[in-house]
Full PDB file with SEQRES, HELIX, SHEET, SSBOND, CRYST1, ORIGX, SCALE, CONECT and MASTER records, all heavy atoms in Angstrom:
SEQRES   1 A   30  LEU PHE ASP ALA PHE GLU THR GLU ALA ALA GLN GLN ALA          
SEQRES   2 A   30  CYS ALA SER PHE ALA ARG LEU VAL ALA THR GLY ASP TYR          
SEQRES   3 A   30  TYR ARG ALA LEU                                              
HELIX    1 AA1 GLU A    8  ALA A   22  1                                  15    
HELIX    2 AA2 TYR A   26  ALA A   29  1                                   4    
CRYST1    1.000    1.000    1.000  90.00  90.00  90.00 P 1           1          
ORIGX1      1.000000  0.000000  0.000000        0.00000                         
ORIGX2      0.000000  1.000000  0.000000        0.00000                         
ORIGX3      0.000000  0.000000  1.000000        0.00000                         
SCALE1      1.000000  0.000000  0.000000        0.00000                         
SCALE2      0.000000  1.000000  0.000000        0.00000                         
SCALE3      0.000000  0.000000  1.000000        0.00000                         
ATOM      1  N   LEU A   1     -17.594 -10.165  -1.683  1.00  0.00           N  
ATOM      2  CA  LEU A   1     -17.458  -8.952  -2.473  1.00  0.00           C  
ATOM      3  C   LEU A   1     -17.367  -9.245  -3.959  1.00  0.00           C  
ATOM      4  O   LEU A   1     -17.940  -8.528  -4.799  1.00  0.00           O  
ATOM      5  CB  LEU A   1     -16.252  -8.153  -2.014  1.00  0.00           C  
ATOM      6  CG  LEU A   1     -16.116  -6.745  -2.459  1.00  0.00           C  
ATOM      7  CD1 LEU A   1     -17.323  -5.913  -1.978  1.00  0.00           C  
ATOM      8  CD2 LEU A   1     -14.850  -6.111  -1.905  1.00  0.00           C  
ATOM      9  N   PHE A   2     -16.657 -10.274  -4.335  1.00  0.00           N  
ATOM     10  CA  PHE A   2     -16.451 -10.594  -5.738  1.00  0.00           C  
ATOM     11  C   PHE A   2     -17.794 -10.819  -6.442  1.00  0.00           C  
ATOM     12  O   PHE A   2     -17.985 -10.342  -7.579  1.00  0.00           O  
ATOM     13  CB  PHE A   2     -15.574 -11.868  -5.902  1.00  0.00           C  
ATOM     14  CG  PHE A   2     -15.231 -12.191  -7.300  1.00  0.00           C  
ATOM     15  CD1 PHE A   2     -14.202 -11.487  -7.945  1.00  0.00           C  
ATOM     16  CD2 PHE A   2     -15.962 -13.117  -8.024  1.00  0.00           C  
ATOM     17  CE1 PHE A   2     -13.885 -11.792  -9.242  1.00  0.00           C  
ATOM     18  CE2 PHE A   2     -15.675 -13.417  -9.365  1.00  0.00           C  
ATOM     19  CZ  PHE A   2     -14.601 -12.724  -9.964  1.00  0.00           C  
ATOM     20  N   ASP A   3     -18.698 -11.509  -5.797  1.00  0.00           N  
ATOM     21  CA  ASP A   3     -20.005 -11.767  -6.414  1.00  0.00           C  
ATOM     22  C   ASP A   3     -20.817 -10.504  -6.543  1.00  0.00           C  
ATOM     23  O   ASP A   3     -21.680 -10.438  -7.434  1.00  0.00           O  
ATOM     24  CB  ASP A   3     -20.801 -12.822  -5.604  1.00  0.00           C  
ATOM     25  CG  ASP A   3     -20.153 -14.177  -5.654  1.00  0.00           C  
ATOM     26  OD1 ASP A   3     -19.444 -14.451  -6.638  1.00  0.00           O  
ATOM     27  OD2 ASP A   3     -20.362 -14.972  -4.717  1.00  0.00           O  
ATOM     28  N   ALA A   4     -20.548  -9.465  -5.779  1.00  0.00           N  
ATOM     29  CA  ALA A   4     -21.335  -8.255  -5.830  1.00  0.00           C  
ATOM     30  C   ALA A   4     -20.852  -7.327  -6.941  1.00  0.00           C  
ATOM     31  O   ALA A   4     -21.646  -6.526  -7.396  1.00  0.00           O  
ATOM     32  CB  ALA A   4     -21.265  -7.540  -4.456  1.00  0.00           C  
ATOM     33  N   PHE A   5     -19.602  -7.464  -7.352  1.00  0.00           N  
ATOM     34  CA  PHE A   5     -19.118  -6.590  -8.417  1.00  0.00           C  
ATOM     35  C   PHE A   5     -19.571  -7.071  -9.782  1.00  0.00           C  
ATOM     36  O   PHE A   5     -19.419  -8.255 -10.072  1.00  0.00           O  
ATOM     37  CB  PHE A   5     -17.596  -6.459  -8.368  1.00  0.00           C  
ATOM     38  CG  PHE A   5     -17.084  -5.599  -7.268  1.00  0.00           C  
ATOM     39  CD1 PHE A   5     -16.004  -5.965  -6.475  1.00  0.00           C  
ATOM     40  CD2 PHE A   5     -17.633  -4.360  -7.012  1.00  0.00           C  
ATOM     41  CE1 PHE A   5     -15.496  -5.130  -5.511  1.00  0.00           C  
ATOM     42  CE2 PHE A   5     -17.130  -3.534  -6.045  1.00  0.00           C  
ATOM     43  CZ  PHE A   5     -16.069  -3.929  -5.297  1.00  0.00           C  
ATOM     44  N   GLU A   6     -20.045  -6.188 -10.621  1.00  0.00           N  
ATOM     45  CA  GLU A   6     -20.531  -6.537 -11.924  1.00  0.00           C  
ATOM     46  C   GLU A   6     -19.539  -6.151 -13.044  1.00  0.00           C  
ATOM     47  O   GLU A   6     -19.562  -6.815 -14.095  1.00  0.00           O  
ATOM     48  CB  GLU A   6     -21.887  -5.867 -12.195  1.00  0.00           C  
ATOM     49  CG  GLU A   6     -22.952  -6.374 -11.250  1.00  0.00           C  
ATOM     50  CD  GLU A   6     -24.273  -5.637 -11.456  1.00  0.00           C  
ATOM     51  OE1 GLU A   6     -24.338  -4.693 -12.255  1.00  0.00           O  
ATOM     52  OE2 GLU A   6     -25.228  -6.029 -10.754  1.00  0.00           O  
ATOM     53  N   THR A   7     -18.726  -5.147 -12.819  1.00  0.00           N  
ATOM     54  CA  THR A   7     -17.800  -4.724 -13.908  1.00  0.00           C  
ATOM     55  C   THR A   7     -16.555  -5.604 -13.978  1.00  0.00           C  
ATOM     56  O   THR A   7     -16.115  -6.164 -12.931  1.00  0.00           O  
ATOM     57  CB  THR A   7     -17.383  -3.305 -13.688  1.00  0.00           C  
ATOM     58  OG1 THR A   7     -16.527  -3.204 -12.567  1.00  0.00           O  
ATOM     59  CG2 THR A   7     -18.540  -2.303 -13.554  1.00  0.00           C  
ATOM     60  N   GLU A   8     -16.069  -5.786 -15.179  1.00  0.00           N  
ATOM     61  CA  GLU A   8     -14.888  -6.609 -15.351  1.00  0.00           C  
ATOM     62  C   GLU A   8     -13.671  -6.003 -14.633  1.00  0.00           C  
ATOM     63  O   GLU A   8     -12.906  -6.695 -14.025  1.00  0.00           O  
ATOM     64  CB  GLU A   8     -14.590  -6.713 -16.866  1.00  0.00           C  
ATOM     65  CG  GLU A   8     -13.404  -7.661 -17.112  1.00  0.00           C  
ATOM     66  CD  GLU A   8     -13.164  -7.804 -18.591  1.00  0.00           C  
ATOM     67  OE1 GLU A   8     -14.069  -7.663 -19.418  1.00  0.00           O  
ATOM     68  OE2 GLU A   8     -11.986  -8.159 -18.937  1.00  0.00           O  
ATOM     69  N   ALA A   9     -13.559  -4.712 -14.632  1.00  0.00           N  
ATOM     70  CA  ALA A   9     -12.465  -4.006 -13.981  1.00  0.00           C  
ATOM     71  C   ALA A   9     -12.457  -4.321 -12.481  1.00  0.00           C  
ATOM     72  O   ALA A   9     -11.378  -4.591 -11.853  1.00  0.00           O  
ATOM     73  CB  ALA A   9     -12.456  -2.494 -14.256  1.00  0.00           C  
ATOM     74  N   ALA A  10     -13.624  -4.248 -11.864  1.00  0.00           N  
ATOM     75  CA  ALA A  10     -13.721  -4.514 -10.429  1.00  0.00           C  
ATOM     76  C   ALA A  10     -13.375  -5.982 -10.109  1.00  0.00           C  
ATOM     77  O   ALA A  10     -12.732  -6.283  -9.138  1.00  0.00           O  
ATOM     78  CB  ALA A  10     -15.089  -4.138  -9.934  1.00  0.00           C  
ATOM     79  N   GLN A  11     -13.879  -6.912 -10.955  1.00  0.00           N  
ATOM     80  CA  GLN A  11     -13.599  -8.326 -10.793  1.00  0.00           C  
ATOM     81  C   GLN A  11     -12.076  -8.580 -10.944  1.00  0.00           C  
ATOM     82  O   GLN A  11     -11.521  -9.445 -10.239  1.00  0.00           O  
ATOM     83  CB  GLN A  11     -14.445  -9.155 -11.679  1.00  0.00           C  
ATOM     84  CG  GLN A  11     -15.910  -9.145 -11.261  1.00  0.00           C  
ATOM     85  CD  GLN A  11     -16.824  -9.873 -12.196  1.00  0.00           C  
ATOM     86  OE1 GLN A  11     -16.465 -10.193 -13.319  1.00  0.00           O  
ATOM     87  NE2 GLN A  11     -18.025 -10.153 -11.744  1.00  0.00           N  
ATOM     88  N   GLN A  12     -11.474  -7.922 -11.920  1.00  0.00           N  
ATOM     89  CA  GLN A  12     -10.010  -8.078 -12.116  1.00  0.00           C  
ATOM     90  C   GLN A  12      -9.255  -7.549 -10.851  1.00  0.00           C  
ATOM     91  O   GLN A  12      -8.238  -8.153 -10.495  1.00  0.00           O  
ATOM     92  CB  GLN A  12      -9.570  -7.367 -13.391  1.00  0.00           C  
ATOM     93  CG  GLN A  12      -9.944  -8.108 -14.642  1.00  0.00           C  
ATOM     94  CD  GLN A  12      -9.566  -7.369 -15.881  1.00  0.00           C  
ATOM     95  OE1 GLN A  12      -9.094  -6.240 -15.850  1.00  0.00           O  
ATOM     96  NE2 GLN A  12      -9.758  -8.011 -17.038  1.00  0.00           N  
ATOM     97  N   ALA A  13      -9.739  -6.476 -10.322  1.00  0.00           N  
ATOM     98  CA  ALA A  13      -9.081  -5.950  -9.088  1.00  0.00           C  
ATOM     99  C   ALA A  13      -9.226  -6.925  -7.966  1.00  0.00           C  
ATOM    100  O   ALA A  13      -8.272  -7.119  -7.161  1.00  0.00           O  
ATOM    101  CB  ALA A  13      -9.690  -4.556  -8.723  1.00  0.00           C  
ATOM    102  N   CYS A  14     -10.406  -7.576  -7.870  1.00  0.00           N  
ATOM    103  CA  CYS A  14     -10.548  -8.646  -6.868  1.00  0.00           C  
ATOM    104  C   CYS A  14      -9.609  -9.810  -7.094  1.00  0.00           C  
ATOM    105  O   CYS A  14      -8.991 -10.281  -6.089  1.00  0.00           O  
ATOM    106  CB  CYS A  14     -12.008  -9.193  -6.888  1.00  0.00           C  
ATOM    107  SG  CYS A  14     -13.282  -8.133  -6.145  1.00  0.00           S  
ATOM    108  N   ALA A  15      -9.421 -10.176  -8.350  1.00  0.00           N  
ATOM    109  CA  ALA A  15      -8.513 -11.279  -8.621  1.00  0.00           C  
ATOM    110  C   ALA A  15      -7.075 -10.875  -8.287  1.00  0.00           C  
ATOM    111  O   ALA A  15      -6.304 -11.641  -7.752  1.00  0.00           O  
ATOM    112  CB  ALA A  15      -8.615 -11.658 -10.081  1.00  0.00           C  
ATOM    113  N   SER A  16      -6.702  -9.649  -8.612  1.00  0.00           N  
ATOM    114  CA  SER A  16      -5.360  -9.140  -8.280  1.00  0.00           C  
ATOM    115  C   SER A  16      -5.161  -9.147  -6.765  1.00  0.00           C  
ATOM    116  O   SER A  16      -4.128  -9.594  -6.230  1.00  0.00           O  
ATOM    117  CB  SER A  16      -5.174  -7.724  -8.868  1.00  0.00           C  
ATOM    118  OG  SER A  16      -3.929  -7.198  -8.438  1.00  0.00           O  
ATOM    119  N   PHE A  17      -6.190  -8.672  -6.035  1.00  0.00           N  
ATOM    120  CA  PHE A  17      -6.111  -8.679  -4.569  1.00  0.00           C  
ATOM    121  C   PHE A  17      -5.942 -10.133  -4.067  1.00  0.00           C  
ATOM    122  O   PHE A  17      -5.063 -10.353  -3.197  1.00  0.00           O  
ATOM    123  CB  PHE A  17      -7.438  -8.075  -4.023  1.00  0.00           C  
ATOM    124  CG  PHE A  17      -7.549  -8.131  -2.517  1.00  0.00           C  
ATOM    125  CD1 PHE A  17      -7.003  -7.168  -1.733  1.00  0.00           C  
ATOM    126  CD2 PHE A  17      -8.201  -9.200  -1.911  1.00  0.00           C  
ATOM    127  CE1 PHE A  17      -7.034  -7.190  -0.382  1.00  0.00           C  
ATOM    128  CE2 PHE A  17      -8.262  -9.254  -0.542  1.00  0.00           C  
ATOM    129  CZ  PHE A  17      -7.733  -8.275   0.260  1.00  0.00           C  
ATOM    130  N   ALA A  18      -6.688 -11.075  -4.575  1.00  0.00           N  
ATOM    131  CA  ALA A  18      -6.603 -12.477  -4.143  1.00  0.00           C  
ATOM    132  C   ALA A  18      -5.189 -13.019  -4.394  1.00  0.00           C  
ATOM    133  O   ALA A  18      -4.651 -13.717  -3.533  1.00  0.00           O  
ATOM    134  CB  ALA A  18      -7.617 -13.315  -4.875  1.00  0.00           C  
ATOM    135  N   ARG A  19      -4.575 -12.706  -5.529  1.00  0.00           N  
ATOM    136  CA  ARG A  19      -3.203 -13.175  -5.827  1.00  0.00           C  
ATOM    137  C   ARG A  19      -2.237 -12.607  -4.839  1.00  0.00           C  
ATOM    138  O   ARG A  19      -1.339 -13.309  -4.354  1.00  0.00           O  
ATOM    139  CB  ARG A  19      -2.789 -12.788  -7.226  1.00  0.00           C  
ATOM    140  CG  ARG A  19      -3.322 -13.698  -8.340  1.00  0.00           C  
ATOM    141  CD  ARG A  19      -2.674 -13.388  -9.690  1.00  0.00           C  
ATOM    142  NE  ARG A  19      -2.988 -12.070 -10.171  1.00  0.00           N  
ATOM    143  CZ  ARG A  19      -4.080 -11.708 -10.818  1.00  0.00           C  
ATOM    144  NH1 ARG A  19      -5.024 -12.575 -11.015  1.00  0.00           N  
ATOM    145  NH2 ARG A  19      -4.213 -10.448 -11.238  1.00  0.00           N  
ATOM    146  N   LEU A  20      -2.353 -11.324  -4.487  1.00  0.00           N  
ATOM    147  CA  LEU A  20      -1.436 -10.706  -3.535  1.00  0.00           C  
ATOM    148  C   LEU A  20      -1.605 -11.344  -2.116  1.00  0.00           C  
ATOM    149  O   LEU A  20      -0.587 -11.627  -1.465  1.00  0.00           O  
ATOM    150  CB  LEU A  20      -1.690  -9.187  -3.470  1.00  0.00           C  
ATOM    151  CG  LEU A  20      -1.275  -8.458  -4.756  1.00  0.00           C  
ATOM    152  CD1 LEU A  20      -1.838  -7.041  -4.751  1.00  0.00           C  
ATOM    153  CD2 LEU A  20       0.223  -8.411  -4.859  1.00  0.00           C  
ATOM    154  N   VAL A  21      -2.829 -11.579  -1.732  1.00  0.00           N  
ATOM    155  CA  VAL A  21      -3.058 -12.218  -0.418  1.00  0.00           C  
ATOM    156  C   VAL A  21      -2.518 -13.644  -0.444  1.00  0.00           C  
ATOM    157  O   VAL A  21      -1.905 -14.074   0.542  1.00  0.00           O  
ATOM    158  CB  VAL A  21      -4.545 -12.205  -0.063  1.00  0.00           C  
ATOM    159  CG1 VAL A  21      -4.841 -13.085   1.150  1.00  0.00           C  
ATOM    160  CG2 VAL A  21      -4.992 -10.766   0.236  1.00  0.00           C  
ATOM    161  N   ALA A  22      -2.732 -14.363  -1.485  1.00  0.00           N  
ATOM    162  CA  ALA A  22      -2.259 -15.753  -1.596  1.00  0.00           C  
ATOM    163  C   ALA A  22      -0.740 -15.877  -1.480  1.00  0.00           C  
ATOM    164  O   ALA A  22      -0.215 -16.852  -0.959  1.00  0.00           O  
ATOM    165  CB  ALA A  22      -2.698 -16.381  -2.914  1.00  0.00           C  
ATOM    166  N   THR A  23      -0.048 -14.812  -1.942  1.00  0.00           N  
ATOM    167  CA  THR A  23       1.448 -14.826  -1.842  1.00  0.00           C  
ATOM    168  C   THR A  23       1.945 -14.163  -0.595  1.00  0.00           C  
ATOM    169  O   THR A  23       3.119 -14.014  -0.386  1.00  0.00           O  
ATOM    170  CB  THR A  23       2.101 -14.150  -3.042  1.00  0.00           C  
ATOM    171  OG1 THR A  23       1.665 -12.782  -3.122  1.00  0.00           O  
ATOM    172  CG2 THR A  23       1.737 -14.884  -4.343  1.00  0.00           C  
ATOM    173  N   GLY A  24       1.028 -13.666   0.268  1.00  0.00           N  
ATOM    174  CA  GLY A  24       1.378 -13.058   1.543  1.00  0.00           C  
ATOM    175  C   GLY A  24       1.803 -11.609   1.414  1.00  0.00           C  
ATOM    176  O   GLY A  24       2.361 -11.026   2.369  1.00  0.00           O  
ATOM    177  N   ASP A  25       1.515 -10.995   0.286  1.00  0.00           N  
ATOM    178  CA  ASP A  25       1.908  -9.576   0.076  1.00  0.00           C  
ATOM    179  C   ASP A  25       0.748  -8.686   0.537  1.00  0.00           C  
ATOM    180  O   ASP A  25       0.088  -8.060  -0.290  1.00  0.00           O  
ATOM    181  CB  ASP A  25       2.250  -9.334  -1.391  1.00  0.00           C  
ATOM    182  CG  ASP A  25       2.966  -8.015  -1.622  1.00  0.00           C  
ATOM    183  OD1 ASP A  25       3.018  -7.162  -0.698  1.00  0.00           O  
ATOM    184  OD2 ASP A  25       3.478  -7.879  -2.748  1.00  0.00           O  
ATOM    185  N   TYR A  26       0.565  -8.651   1.806  1.00  0.00           N  
ATOM    186  CA  TYR A  26      -0.655  -7.924   2.357  1.00  0.00           C  
ATOM    187  C   TYR A  26      -0.561  -6.398   2.129  1.00  0.00           C  
ATOM    188  O   TYR A  26      -1.573  -5.783   1.948  1.00  0.00           O  
ATOM    189  CB  TYR A  26      -0.773  -8.260   3.846  1.00  0.00           C  
ATOM    190  CG  TYR A  26      -1.153  -9.701   4.121  1.00  0.00           C  
ATOM    191  CD1 TYR A  26      -0.201 -10.622   4.503  1.00  0.00           C  
ATOM    192  CD2 TYR A  26      -2.452 -10.175   3.930  1.00  0.00           C  
ATOM    193  CE1 TYR A  26      -0.558 -11.938   4.724  1.00  0.00           C  
ATOM    194  CE2 TYR A  26      -2.812 -11.479   4.125  1.00  0.00           C  
ATOM    195  CZ  TYR A  26      -1.837 -12.338   4.530  1.00  0.00           C  
ATOM    196  OH  TYR A  26      -2.175 -13.656   4.732  1.00  0.00           O  
ATOM    197  N   TYR A  27       0.663  -5.889   2.229  1.00  0.00           N  
ATOM    198  CA  TYR A  27       0.751  -4.435   2.026  1.00  0.00           C  
ATOM    199  C   TYR A  27       0.305  -4.001   0.633  1.00  0.00           C  
ATOM    200  O   TYR A  27      -0.495  -3.031   0.521  1.00  0.00           O  
ATOM    201  CB  TYR A  27       2.236  -3.954   2.271  1.00  0.00           C  
ATOM    202  CG  TYR A  27       2.311  -2.416   2.295  1.00  0.00           C  
ATOM    203  CD1 TYR A  27       1.894  -1.709   3.353  1.00  0.00           C  
ATOM    204  CD2 TYR A  27       2.735  -1.763   1.157  1.00  0.00           C  
ATOM    205  CE1 TYR A  27       1.958  -0.312   3.354  1.00  0.00           C  
ATOM    206  CE2 TYR A  27       2.806  -0.330   1.174  1.00  0.00           C  
ATOM    207  CZ  TYR A  27       2.408   0.337   2.228  1.00  0.00           C  
ATOM    208  OH  TYR A  27       2.445   1.727   2.236  1.00  0.00           O  
ATOM    209  N   ARG A  28       0.738  -4.688  -0.385  1.00  0.00           N  
ATOM    210  CA  ARG A  28       0.281  -4.374  -1.746  1.00  0.00           C  
ATOM    211  C   ARG A  28      -1.235  -4.674  -1.929  1.00  0.00           C  
ATOM    212  O   ARG A  28      -1.912  -4.033  -2.651  1.00  0.00           O  
ATOM    213  CB  ARG A  28       1.111  -5.040  -2.779  1.00  0.00           C  
ATOM    214  CG  ARG A  28       2.461  -4.395  -2.945  1.00  0.00           C  
ATOM    215  CD  ARG A  28       3.166  -4.832  -4.221  1.00  0.00           C  
ATOM    216  NE  ARG A  28       4.423  -4.113  -4.325  1.00  0.00           N  
ATOM    217  CZ  ARG A  28       5.582  -4.743  -4.298  1.00  0.00           C  
ATOM    218  NH1 ARG A  28       5.690  -6.061  -4.247  1.00  0.00           N  
ATOM    219  NH2 ARG A  28       6.695  -4.071  -4.458  1.00  0.00           N  
ATOM    220  N   ALA A  29      -1.675  -5.727  -1.197  1.00  0.00           N  
ATOM    221  CA  ALA A  29      -3.105  -6.047  -1.264  1.00  0.00           C  
ATOM    222  C   ALA A  29      -3.942  -4.904  -0.677  1.00  0.00           C  
ATOM    223  O   ALA A  29      -5.023  -4.663  -1.183  1.00  0.00           O  
ATOM    224  CB  ALA A  29      -3.361  -7.361  -0.506  1.00  0.00           C  
ATOM    225  N   LEU A  30      -3.403  -4.257   0.341  1.00  0.00           N  
ATOM    226  CA  LEU A  30      -4.138  -3.093   0.927  1.00  0.00           C  
ATOM    227  C   LEU A  30      -4.352  -1.989  -0.134  1.00  0.00           C  
ATOM    228  O   LEU A  30      -5.380  -1.403  -0.212  1.00  0.00           O  
ATOM    229  CB  LEU A  30      -3.428  -2.596   2.132  1.00  0.00           C  
ATOM    230  CG  LEU A  30      -3.509  -3.462   3.389  1.00  0.00           C  
ATOM    231  CD1 LEU A  30      -2.542  -2.930   4.459  1.00  0.00           C  
ATOM    232  CD2 LEU A  30      -4.918  -3.523   3.924  1.00  0.00           C  
TER     233      LEU A  30                                                      
MASTER        0    0    0    2    0    0    0    6  232    1    0    3          
END                                                                             
């Protein structure tokens, strides 16, 4: 999905999602 998004905002949301998943915060990642 990250490669498919072209806007910076969408890529930042992907990065935020990845950070939440990496810390095990799945509910906020949802």
